[in-house]
Amino acid sequence: MIYLDLFLGFLKVGFFAFGGAYAAIPFIREVVLSYGWLSDETITYIIAVSESTPGPIMVNMATYVGSTKAGVLGSIIATFAVVLPAFLIIIFIMFVFKALIKNECFKAVLGGLQSCVIGVIAATGVYMTYKNVFFSKSSGIFAFDSKTALFTLALIILYIAARKLMKKGFSPIYFIIASAAAGMLVYA
């Protein structure tokens, strides 16, 4: 019976917890408490651990609750139940998307959204660069940081050189690794 309860409880969470992980926490808490699986204090600890471990909070919490209540099979059932609704919704969207992609109006909307997303990402990058180069991190007042400015300039040059030499550049993962290594060298 516990397997069915885990499945139905976390299926409910998967179907009705909208708005991201933090918005889902009260709903998960309500379901877990209503079944009497954990105490309120334990749920608080699980939320803290779930936030600090890789993966979505809902999946981490479902896996933990399933494991504590019914072992490995319980964790598999609870995890499957919490991700099943999202999987089914994505499959449905893909069928609808395939039909809509041929529509010229829909293509125009996607083109506009693509431009908007590029603009938002670029604006975020410019804002972060501006704040990090021209304002003190501790006091928030105007202070030029030459290390950050040179570091940013070096990354921009590296990016442009990679695009010119390789015709398509290289993976952003390499930029993240290079930035982390350079940050450790410069700021350590």
N, C-alpha and C. Protein backbone atom coordinates (compact mmCIF):
# COMPACT_ATOMS: atom_id res chain seq x y z
N MET A 1 0.82 -1.20 0.00
CA MET A 1 0.00 0.00 0.00
C MET A 1 0.86 1.27 0.00
N ILE A 2 2.03 1.22 0.66
CA ILE A 2 2.90 2.39 0.71
C ILE A 2 3.37 2.79 -0.69
N TYR A 3 3.57 1.79 -1.57
CA TYR A 3 4.01 2.10 -2.93
C TYR A 3 2.95 2.89 -3.69
N LEU A 4 1.70 2.49 -3.53
CA LEU A 4 0.60 3.20 -4.18
C LEU A 4 0.47 4.61 -3.60
N ASP A 5 0.59 4.73 -2.27
CA ASP A 5 0.52 6.05 -1.64
C ASP A 5 1.65 6.96 -2.14
N LEU A 6 2.86 6.42 -2.22
CA LEU A 6 3.99 7.21 -2.74
C LEU A 6 3.73 7.65 -4.17
N PHE A 7 3.25 6.74 -4.98
CA PHE A 7 2.99 7.05 -6.38
C PHE A 7 1.92 8.14 -6.49
N LEU A 8 0.79 7.97 -5.81
CA LEU A 8 -0.31 8.93 -5.93
C LEU A 8 0.05 10.27 -5.30
N GLY A 9 0.73 10.24 -4.16
CA GLY A 9 1.13 11.49 -3.50
C GLY A 9 2.06 12.32 -4.35
N PHE A 10 3.10 11.70 -4.89
CA PHE A 10 4.06 12.46 -5.69
C PHE A 10 3.58 12.72 -7.11
N LEU A 11 2.64 11.91 -7.59
CA LEU A 11 2.00 12.22 -8.87
C LEU A 11 1.20 13.51 -8.73
N LYS A 12 0.52 13.65 -7.59
CA LYS A 12 -0.22 14.88 -7.30
C LYS A 12 0.73 16.07 -7.26
N VAL A 13 1.87 15.91 -6.62
CA VAL A 13 2.87 16.99 -6.57
C VAL A 13 3.33 17.33 -7.98
N GLY A 14 3.63 16.33 -8.78
CA GLY A 14 4.11 16.56 -10.14
C GLY A 14 3.10 17.28 -11.02
N PHE A 15 1.82 16.97 -10.84
CA PHE A 15 0.79 17.59 -11.67
C PHE A 15 0.43 19.01 -11.24
N PHE A 16 0.48 19.28 -9.94
CA PHE A 16 -0.08 20.54 -9.47
C PHE A 16 0.93 21.52 -8.89
N ALA A 17 2.19 21.17 -8.83
CA ALA A 17 3.20 22.08 -8.28
C ALA A 17 3.78 22.91 -9.42
N PHE A 18 3.23 24.10 -9.64
CA PHE A 18 3.67 24.99 -10.69
C PHE A 18 4.44 26.16 -10.10
N GLY A 19 5.29 26.76 -10.90
CA GLY A 19 5.98 27.97 -10.48
C GLY A 19 7.40 27.74 -10.01
N GLY A 20 7.96 26.60 -10.31
CA GLY A 20 9.34 26.34 -9.91
C GLY A 20 9.43 25.65 -8.57
N ALA A 21 10.66 25.31 -8.21
CA ALA A 21 10.90 24.49 -7.03
C ALA A 21 10.44 25.16 -5.75
N TYR A 22 10.75 26.44 -5.59
CA TYR A 22 10.41 27.11 -4.34
C TYR A 22 8.90 27.27 -4.18
N ALA A 23 8.20 27.44 -5.28
CA ALA A 23 6.75 27.53 -5.22
C ALA A 23 6.14 26.15 -4.92
N ALA A 24 6.85 25.09 -5.24
CA ALA A 24 6.35 23.73 -5.03
C ALA A 24 6.55 23.24 -3.60
N ILE A 25 7.47 23.86 -2.87
CA ILE A 25 7.80 23.38 -1.52
C ILE A 25 6.58 23.31 -0.60
N PRO A 26 5.72 24.35 -0.54
CA PRO A 26 4.55 24.22 0.34
C PRO A 26 3.63 23.06 -0.05
N PHE A 27 3.49 22.83 -1.34
CA PHE A 27 2.64 21.73 -1.80
C PHE A 27 3.24 20.37 -1.43
N ILE A 28 4.55 20.23 -1.62
CA ILE A 28 5.24 18.99 -1.24
C ILE A 28 5.08 18.77 0.26
N ARG A 29 5.29 19.83 1.03
CA ARG A 29 5.16 19.76 2.48
C ARG A 29 3.76 19.28 2.87
N GLU A 30 2.75 19.86 2.22
CA GLU A 30 1.36 19.48 2.52
C GLU A 30 1.11 18.00 2.22
N VAL A 31 1.58 17.52 1.09
CA VAL A 31 1.37 16.12 0.72
C VAL A 31 2.10 15.20 1.69
N VAL A 32 3.35 15.50 1.98
CA VAL A 32 4.15 14.65 2.87
C VAL A 32 3.54 14.62 4.28
N LEU A 33 3.09 15.76 4.76
CA LEU A 33 2.47 15.80 6.10
C LEU A 33 1.11 15.10 6.11
N SER A 34 0.34 15.25 5.03
CA SER A 34 -0.99 14.62 5.00
C SER A 34 -0.89 13.10 5.02
N TYR A 35 0.13 12.54 4.43
CA TYR A 35 0.33 11.09 4.46
C TYR A 35 1.06 10.66 5.75
N GLY A 36 1.59 11.64 6.50
CA GLY A 36 2.30 11.31 7.73
C GLY A 36 3.66 10.67 7.50
N TRP A 37 4.26 10.95 6.36
CA TRP A 37 5.54 10.32 6.03
C TRP A 37 6.69 10.89 6.85
N LEU A 38 6.67 12.21 7.09
CA LEU A 38 7.76 12.86 7.83
C LEU A 38 7.19 13.94 8.72
N SER A 39 7.99 14.37 9.69
CA SER A 39 7.60 15.48 10.55
C SER A 39 7.93 16.79 9.84
N ASP A 40 7.34 17.87 10.33
CA ASP A 40 7.59 19.18 9.75
C ASP A 40 9.06 19.57 9.87
N GLU A 41 9.68 19.22 10.99
CA GLU A 41 11.10 19.53 11.20
C GLU A 41 11.98 18.78 10.20
N THR A 42 11.67 17.51 9.96
CA THR A 42 12.44 16.71 9.01
C THR A 42 12.30 17.26 7.60
N ILE A 43 11.11 17.73 7.26
CA ILE A 43 10.89 18.32 5.93
C ILE A 43 11.78 19.55 5.76
N THR A 44 11.92 20.34 6.81
CA THR A 44 12.78 21.52 6.75
C THR A 44 14.22 21.11 6.46
N TYR A 45 14.69 20.06 7.12
CA TYR A 45 16.05 19.58 6.88
C TYR A 45 16.20 19.05 5.45
N ILE A 46 15.19 18.35 4.96
CA ILE A 46 15.26 17.81 3.60
C ILE A 46 15.31 18.94 2.58
N ILE A 47 14.55 20.00 2.82
CA ILE A 47 14.59 21.15 1.90
C ILE A 47 15.99 21.74 1.86
N ALA A 48 16.61 21.88 3.02
CA ALA A 48 17.97 22.43 3.07
C ALA A 48 18.95 21.54 2.32
N VAL A 49 18.86 20.24 2.52
CA VAL A 49 19.76 19.31 1.83
C VAL A 49 19.47 19.29 0.33
N SER A 50 18.18 19.30 -0.03
CA SER A 50 17.80 19.27 -1.45
C SER A 50 18.29 20.50 -2.19
N GLU A 51 18.33 21.64 -1.52
CA GLU A 51 18.82 22.87 -2.16
C GLU A 51 20.32 22.81 -2.41
N SER A 52 21.02 22.06 -1.58
CA SER A 52 22.49 22.04 -1.69
C SER A 52 23.01 20.86 -2.50
N THR A 53 22.14 20.01 -2.98
CA THR A 53 22.58 18.87 -3.80
C THR A 53 22.16 19.10 -5.24
N PRO A 54 22.87 18.49 -6.18
CA PRO A 54 22.52 18.68 -7.59
C PRO A 54 21.13 18.10 -7.89
N GLY A 55 20.44 18.75 -8.78
CA GLY A 55 19.14 18.25 -9.21
C GLY A 55 18.00 19.09 -8.68
N PRO A 56 16.83 18.91 -9.28
CA PRO A 56 15.65 19.66 -8.86
C PRO A 56 15.21 19.27 -7.45
N ILE A 57 14.74 20.24 -6.70
CA ILE A 57 14.32 20.00 -5.32
C ILE A 57 13.20 18.96 -5.25
N MET A 58 12.23 19.06 -6.15
CA MET A 58 11.10 18.10 -6.11
C MET A 58 11.60 16.68 -6.28
N VAL A 59 12.52 16.47 -7.20
CA VAL A 59 13.04 15.12 -7.44
C VAL A 59 13.85 14.64 -6.24
N ASN A 60 14.70 15.51 -5.71
CA ASN A 60 15.50 15.13 -4.54
C ASN A 60 14.62 14.77 -3.35
N MET A 61 13.59 15.58 -3.13
CA MET A 61 12.71 15.31 -1.99
C MET A 61 11.91 14.03 -2.21
N ALA A 62 11.41 13.82 -3.41
CA ALA A 62 10.66 12.60 -3.69
C ALA A 62 11.54 11.37 -3.50
N THR A 63 12.75 11.45 -3.99
CA THR A 63 13.68 10.32 -3.85
C THR A 63 13.96 10.04 -2.38
N TYR A 64 14.19 11.07 -1.60
CA TYR A 64 14.49 10.88 -0.18
C TYR A 64 13.28 10.29 0.57
N VAL A 65 12.12 10.89 0.36
CA VAL A 65 10.92 10.40 1.06
C VAL A 65 10.63 8.96 0.66
N GLY A 66 10.70 8.66 -0.63
CA GLY A 66 10.47 7.29 -1.09
C GLY A 66 11.46 6.31 -0.48
N SER A 67 12.71 6.73 -0.40
CA SER A 67 13.75 5.88 0.17
C SER A 67 13.53 5.62 1.65
N THR A 68 13.17 6.66 2.40
CA THR A 68 12.98 6.48 3.85
C THR A 68 11.73 5.68 4.17
N LYS A 69 10.72 5.74 3.31
CA LYS A 69 9.47 5.05 3.59
C LYS A 69 9.41 3.64 3.02
N ALA A 70 10.10 3.41 1.89
CA ALA A 70 9.96 2.10 1.24
C ALA A 70 11.22 1.63 0.54
N GLY A 71 12.38 2.13 0.93
CA GLY A 71 13.63 1.64 0.37
C GLY A 71 13.87 2.10 -1.05
N VAL A 72 14.69 1.34 -1.75
CA VAL A 72 15.09 1.70 -3.12
C VAL A 72 13.88 1.71 -4.06
N LEU A 73 13.03 0.71 -3.95
CA LEU A 73 11.84 0.67 -4.82
C LEU A 73 10.94 1.88 -4.55
N GLY A 74 10.80 2.26 -3.29
CA GLY A 74 10.00 3.44 -2.95
C GLY A 74 10.58 4.71 -3.54
N SER A 75 11.91 4.83 -3.51
CA SER A 75 12.53 6.03 -4.08
C SER A 75 12.34 6.07 -5.59
N ILE A 76 12.41 4.92 -6.23
CA ILE A 76 12.19 4.86 -7.69
C ILE A 76 10.75 5.24 -8.02
N ILE A 77 9.80 4.71 -7.27
CA ILE A 77 8.38 4.98 -7.53
C ILE A 77 8.07 6.47 -7.30
N ALA A 78 8.53 7.02 -6.18
CA ALA A 78 8.26 8.42 -5.88
C ALA A 78 8.90 9.35 -6.91
N THR A 79 10.13 9.05 -7.30
CA THR A 79 10.82 9.88 -8.30
C THR A 79 10.11 9.79 -9.65
N PHE A 80 9.74 8.58 -10.05
CA PHE A 80 9.02 8.39 -11.30
C PHE A 80 7.70 9.16 -11.29
N ALA A 81 6.99 9.09 -10.17
CA ALA A 81 5.69 9.76 -10.08
C ALA A 81 5.81 11.27 -10.17
N VAL A 82 6.84 11.84 -9.56
CA VAL A 82 6.96 13.30 -9.55
C VAL A 82 7.41 13.83 -10.92
N VAL A 83 8.14 13.05 -11.71
CA VAL A 83 8.58 13.53 -13.03
C VAL A 83 7.64 13.12 -14.16
N LEU A 84 6.77 12.15 -13.93
CA LEU A 84 5.86 11.67 -14.98
C LEU A 84 5.00 12.78 -15.57
N PRO A 85 4.35 13.64 -14.76
CA PRO A 85 3.53 14.70 -15.37
C PRO A 85 4.32 15.63 -16.29
N ALA A 86 5.50 16.04 -15.87
CA ALA A 86 6.31 16.93 -16.71
C ALA A 86 6.68 16.23 -18.02
N PHE A 87 7.02 14.95 -17.94
CA PHE A 87 7.35 14.18 -19.13
C PHE A 87 6.16 14.13 -20.09
N LEU A 88 4.97 13.85 -19.56
CA LEU A 88 3.78 13.76 -20.41
C LEU A 88 3.43 15.13 -21.02
N ILE A 89 3.59 16.18 -20.24
CA ILE A 89 3.30 17.53 -20.75
C ILE A 89 4.27 17.89 -21.87
N ILE A 90 5.54 17.55 -21.72
CA ILE A 90 6.53 17.85 -22.76
C ILE A 90 6.23 17.04 -24.04
N ILE A 91 5.85 15.79 -23.88
CA ILE A 91 5.46 14.99 -25.06
C ILE A 91 4.28 15.64 -25.77
N PHE A 92 3.29 16.06 -25.02
CA PHE A 92 2.12 16.73 -25.60
C PHE A 92 2.54 18.01 -26.33
N ILE A 93 3.38 18.81 -25.68
CA ILE A 93 3.84 20.06 -26.29
C ILE A 93 4.60 19.78 -27.58
N MET A 94 5.38 18.72 -27.61
CA MET A 94 6.14 18.38 -28.83
C MET A 94 5.20 18.06 -29.99
N PHE A 95 4.10 17.34 -29.70
CA PHE A 95 3.14 17.06 -30.77
C PHE A 95 2.48 18.33 -31.27
N VAL A 96 2.10 19.21 -30.35
CA VAL A 96 1.49 20.48 -30.72
C VAL A 96 2.51 21.35 -31.45
N PHE A 97 3.74 21.37 -30.95
CA PHE A 97 4.80 22.17 -31.55
C PHE A 97 5.07 21.73 -32.99
N LYS A 98 5.08 20.40 -33.23
CA LYS A 98 5.31 19.90 -34.60
C LYS A 98 4.25 20.42 -35.55
N ALA A 99 3.03 20.48 -35.09
CA ALA A 99 1.95 20.98 -35.94
C ALA A 99 2.06 22.49 -36.13
N LEU A 100 2.44 23.20 -35.09
CA LEU A 100 2.50 24.66 -35.16
C LEU A 100 3.73 25.18 -35.91
N ILE A 101 4.80 24.42 -35.93
CA ILE A 101 6.05 24.91 -36.53
C ILE A 101 5.90 25.22 -38.02
N LYS A 102 4.90 24.65 -38.65
CA LYS A 102 4.66 24.92 -40.07
C LYS A 102 3.88 26.21 -40.28
N ASN A 103 3.28 26.75 -39.22
CA ASN A 103 2.49 27.96 -39.29
C ASN A 103 3.41 29.18 -39.33
N GLU A 104 3.22 30.06 -40.31
CA GLU A 104 4.08 31.23 -40.49
C GLU A 104 3.99 32.21 -39.32
N CYS A 105 2.81 32.37 -38.77
CA CYS A 105 2.65 33.28 -37.62
C CYS A 105 3.42 32.75 -36.41
N PHE A 106 3.36 31.45 -36.20
CA PHE A 106 4.08 30.85 -35.08
C PHE A 106 5.59 31.00 -35.27
N LYS A 107 6.06 30.82 -36.51
CA LYS A 107 7.49 31.01 -36.81
C LYS A 107 7.91 32.45 -36.52
N ALA A 108 7.06 33.40 -36.85
CA ALA A 108 7.37 34.81 -36.59
C ALA A 108 7.45 35.07 -35.08
N VAL A 109 6.54 34.48 -34.31
CA VAL A 109 6.57 34.64 -32.86
C VAL A 109 7.86 34.06 -32.30
N LEU A 110 8.25 32.88 -32.75
CA LEU A 110 9.50 32.27 -32.28
C LEU A 110 10.71 33.13 -32.64
N GLY A 111 10.70 33.70 -33.84
CA GLY A 111 11.79 34.58 -34.24
C GLY A 111 11.89 35.79 -33.34
N GLY A 112 10.74 36.37 -33.00
CA GLY A 112 10.72 37.50 -32.08
C GLY A 112 11.19 37.12 -30.69
N LEU A 113 10.78 35.95 -30.22
CA LEU A 113 11.21 35.48 -28.91
C LEU A 113 12.71 35.22 -28.88
N GLN A 114 13.24 34.68 -29.97
CA GLN A 114 14.66 34.40 -30.03
C GLN A 114 15.46 35.71 -29.90
N SER A 115 15.02 36.73 -30.61
CA SER A 115 15.68 38.03 -30.52
C SER A 115 15.57 38.60 -29.11
N CYS A 116 14.42 38.43 -28.51
CA CYS A 116 14.20 38.93 -27.15
C CYS A 116 15.11 38.22 -26.16
N VAL A 117 15.23 36.91 -26.26
CA VAL A 117 16.09 36.15 -25.36
C VAL A 117 17.55 36.57 -25.51
N ILE A 118 17.99 36.74 -26.74
CA ILE A 118 19.36 37.20 -26.99
C ILE A 118 19.57 38.57 -26.35
N GLY A 119 18.60 39.45 -26.50
CA GLY A 119 18.70 40.78 -25.89
C GLY A 119 18.75 40.73 -24.38
N VAL A 120 17.93 39.89 -23.77
CA VAL A 120 17.92 39.78 -22.30
C VAL A 120 19.25 39.24 -21.80
N ILE A 121 19.79 38.22 -22.48
CA ILE A 121 21.07 37.66 -22.07
C ILE A 121 22.19 38.70 -22.23
N ALA A 122 22.18 39.40 -23.36
CA ALA A 122 23.20 40.43 -23.59
C ALA A 122 23.08 41.55 -22.55
N ALA A 123 21.86 41.99 -22.27
CA ALA A 123 21.67 43.06 -21.28
C ALA A 123 22.14 42.61 -19.90
N THR A 124 21.88 41.37 -19.55
CA THR A 124 22.33 40.85 -18.26
C THR A 124 23.85 40.83 -18.20
N GLY A 125 24.49 40.39 -19.28
CA GLY A 125 25.95 40.37 -19.33
C GLY A 125 26.55 41.76 -19.21
N VAL A 126 25.97 42.72 -19.92
CA VAL A 126 26.47 44.10 -19.86
C VAL A 126 26.27 44.66 -18.45
N TYR A 127 25.11 44.44 -17.86
CA TYR A 127 24.83 44.94 -16.52
C TYR A 127 25.79 44.33 -15.49
N MET A 128 26.00 43.02 -15.56
CA MET A 128 26.90 42.36 -14.61
C MET A 128 28.33 42.86 -14.78
N THR A 129 28.76 43.03 -16.02
CA THR A 129 30.10 43.55 -16.28
C THR A 129 30.23 44.96 -15.71
N TYR A 130 29.26 45.80 -15.99
CA TYR A 130 29.26 47.18 -15.49
C TYR A 130 29.34 47.22 -13.97
N LYS A 131 28.49 46.43 -13.31
CA LYS A 131 28.47 46.42 -11.84
C LYS A 131 29.79 45.90 -11.27
N ASN A 132 30.37 44.87 -11.88
CA ASN A 132 31.60 44.28 -11.36
C ASN A 132 32.84 45.11 -11.67
N VAL A 133 32.84 45.85 -12.76
CA VAL A 133 34.01 46.65 -13.12
C VAL A 133 33.97 48.01 -12.43
N PHE A 134 32.79 48.61 -12.29
CA PHE A 134 32.72 49.99 -11.82
C PHE A 134 32.20 50.20 -10.40
N PHE A 135 31.83 49.14 -9.70
CA PHE A 135 31.32 49.32 -8.35
C PHE A 135 31.99 48.35 -7.39
N SER A 136 32.28 48.84 -6.19
CA SER A 136 32.90 48.02 -5.15
C SER A 136 31.90 46.96 -4.70
N LYS A 137 32.37 45.72 -4.60
CA LYS A 137 31.49 44.63 -4.19
C LYS A 137 31.06 44.76 -2.73
N SER A 138 31.92 45.31 -1.89
CA SER A 138 31.60 45.39 -0.46
C SER A 138 30.74 46.60 -0.12
N SER A 139 31.06 47.76 -0.70
CA SER A 139 30.34 48.98 -0.30
C SER A 139 29.27 49.40 -1.30
N GLY A 140 29.37 48.95 -2.54
CA GLY A 140 28.39 49.31 -3.55
C GLY A 140 28.57 50.71 -4.13
N ILE A 141 29.68 51.38 -3.79
CA ILE A 141 29.93 52.71 -4.34
C ILE A 141 30.86 52.60 -5.54
N PHE A 142 30.93 53.68 -6.32
CA PHE A 142 31.74 53.69 -7.54
C PHE A 142 33.21 53.45 -7.20
N ALA A 143 33.79 52.44 -7.86
CA ALA A 143 35.22 52.13 -7.71
C ALA A 143 35.63 51.26 -8.88
N PHE A 144 36.54 51.76 -9.70
CA PHE A 144 36.99 51.01 -10.88
C PHE A 144 37.86 49.84 -10.44
N ASP A 145 37.54 48.64 -10.93
CA ASP A 145 38.30 47.43 -10.62
C ASP A 145 39.07 47.02 -11.88
N SER A 146 40.35 47.34 -11.94
CA SER A 146 41.14 47.09 -13.13
C SER A 146 41.31 45.59 -13.40
N LYS A 147 41.44 44.77 -12.35
CA LYS A 147 41.57 43.32 -12.56
C LYS A 147 40.35 42.76 -13.28
N THR A 148 39.18 43.14 -12.81
CA THR A 148 37.95 42.65 -13.42
C THR A 148 37.82 43.16 -14.85
N ALA A 149 38.20 44.42 -15.08
CA ALA A 149 38.13 44.99 -16.43
C ALA A 149 39.05 44.23 -17.38
N LEU A 150 40.29 43.96 -16.96
CA LEU A 150 41.23 43.22 -17.80
C LEU A 150 40.77 41.78 -18.01
N PHE A 151 40.25 41.19 -16.97
CA PHE A 151 39.74 39.83 -17.04
C PHE A 151 38.59 39.73 -18.05
N THR A 152 37.67 40.68 -17.99
CA THR A 152 36.53 40.72 -18.92
C THR A 152 37.02 40.95 -20.34
N LEU A 153 37.94 41.86 -20.52
CA LEU A 153 38.49 42.14 -21.84
C LEU A 153 39.19 40.91 -22.41
N ALA A 154 39.95 40.20 -21.57
CA ALA A 154 40.64 38.98 -22.02
C ALA A 154 39.63 37.92 -22.48
N LEU A 155 38.53 37.77 -21.76
CA LEU A 155 37.51 36.79 -22.15
C LEU A 155 36.84 37.18 -23.47
N ILE A 156 36.59 38.48 -23.65
CA ILE A 156 35.98 38.95 -24.90
C ILE A 156 36.93 38.68 -26.06
N ILE A 157 38.22 38.98 -25.89
CA ILE A 157 39.21 38.73 -26.94
C ILE A 157 39.32 37.23 -27.23
N LEU A 158 39.33 36.42 -26.18
CA LEU A 158 39.39 34.96 -26.36
C LEU A 158 38.18 34.47 -27.15
N TYR A 159 37.02 34.99 -26.83
CA TYR A 159 35.80 34.59 -27.53
C TYR A 159 35.86 34.98 -29.01
N ILE A 160 36.24 36.22 -29.29
CA ILE A 160 36.30 36.68 -30.68
C ILE A 160 37.36 35.91 -31.45
N ALA A 161 38.52 35.67 -30.84
CA ALA A 161 39.58 34.91 -31.51
C ALA A 161 39.12 33.48 -31.80
N ALA A 162 38.44 32.87 -30.86
CA ALA A 162 37.94 31.51 -31.08
C ALA A 162 36.94 31.48 -32.23
N ARG A 163 36.07 32.47 -32.29
CA ARG A 163 35.08 32.53 -33.38
C ARG A 163 35.76 32.71 -34.74
N LYS A 164 36.81 33.53 -34.78
CA LYS A 164 37.51 33.79 -36.05
C LYS A 164 38.32 32.58 -36.49
N LEU A 165 39.04 31.97 -35.55
CA LEU A 165 39.93 30.87 -35.89
C LEU A 165 39.18 29.56 -36.14
N MET A 166 38.17 29.31 -35.36
CA MET A 166 37.48 28.01 -35.44
C MET A 166 36.17 28.08 -36.22
N LYS A 167 35.81 29.24 -36.71
CA LYS A 167 34.61 29.50 -37.50
C LYS A 167 33.31 29.34 -36.72
N LYS A 168 33.31 28.60 -35.64
CA LYS A 168 32.09 28.47 -34.84
C LYS A 168 32.37 28.59 -33.35
N GLY A 169 33.58 28.83 -32.98
CA GLY A 169 33.92 28.98 -31.58
C GLY A 169 34.02 27.63 -30.88
N PHE A 170 34.06 27.68 -29.56
CA PHE A 170 34.07 26.43 -28.83
C PHE A 170 33.06 26.50 -27.68
N SER A 171 32.85 25.39 -27.06
CA SER A 171 31.80 25.23 -26.08
C SER A 171 31.91 26.25 -24.94
N PRO A 172 30.77 26.76 -24.48
CA PRO A 172 30.78 27.68 -23.33
C PRO A 172 31.39 27.04 -22.08
N ILE A 173 31.37 25.74 -22.01
CA ILE A 173 31.95 25.04 -20.87
C ILE A 173 33.43 25.39 -20.75
N TYR A 174 34.13 25.49 -21.89
CA TYR A 174 35.54 25.86 -21.86
C TYR A 174 35.74 27.27 -21.32
N PHE A 175 34.82 28.18 -21.66
CA PHE A 175 34.89 29.53 -21.12
C PHE A 175 34.68 29.53 -19.61
N ILE A 176 33.76 28.71 -19.14
CA ILE A 176 33.50 28.62 -17.70
C ILE A 176 34.73 28.09 -16.98
N ILE A 177 35.34 27.05 -17.55
CA ILE A 177 36.54 26.48 -16.94
C ILE A 177 37.69 27.49 -16.97
N ALA A 178 37.87 28.15 -18.11
CA ALA A 178 38.94 29.16 -18.22
C ALA A 178 38.69 30.31 -17.24
N SER A 179 37.45 30.73 -17.11
CA SER A 179 37.12 31.82 -16.18
C SER A 179 37.38 31.40 -14.74
N ALA A 180 37.01 30.19 -14.39
CA ALA A 180 37.23 29.70 -13.02
C ALA A 180 38.72 29.63 -12.72
N ALA A 181 39.49 29.09 -13.67
CA ALA A 181 40.95 28.97 -13.45
C ALA A 181 41.59 30.36 -13.36
N ALA A 182 41.22 31.26 -14.26
CA ALA A 182 41.79 32.61 -14.23
C ALA A 182 41.35 33.34 -12.96
N GLY A 183 40.12 33.16 -12.54
CA GLY A 183 39.64 33.78 -11.31
C GLY A 183 40.42 33.32 -10.11
N MET A 184 40.73 32.02 -10.06
CA MET A 184 41.52 31.50 -8.94
C MET A 184 42.92 32.09 -8.95
N LEU A 185 43.50 32.22 -10.15
CA LEU A 185 44.84 32.79 -10.25
C LEU A 185 44.88 34.26 -9.88
N VAL A 186 43.90 35.02 -10.39
CA VAL A 186 43.91 36.46 -10.21
C VAL A 186 43.45 36.87 -8.80
N TYR A 187 42.43 36.21 -8.28
CA TYR A 187 41.81 36.65 -7.02
C TYR A 187 42.20 35.79 -5.80
N ALA A 188 42.96 34.73 -6.00
CA ALA A 188 43.25 33.85 -4.87
C ALA A 188 44.24 34.43 -3.89
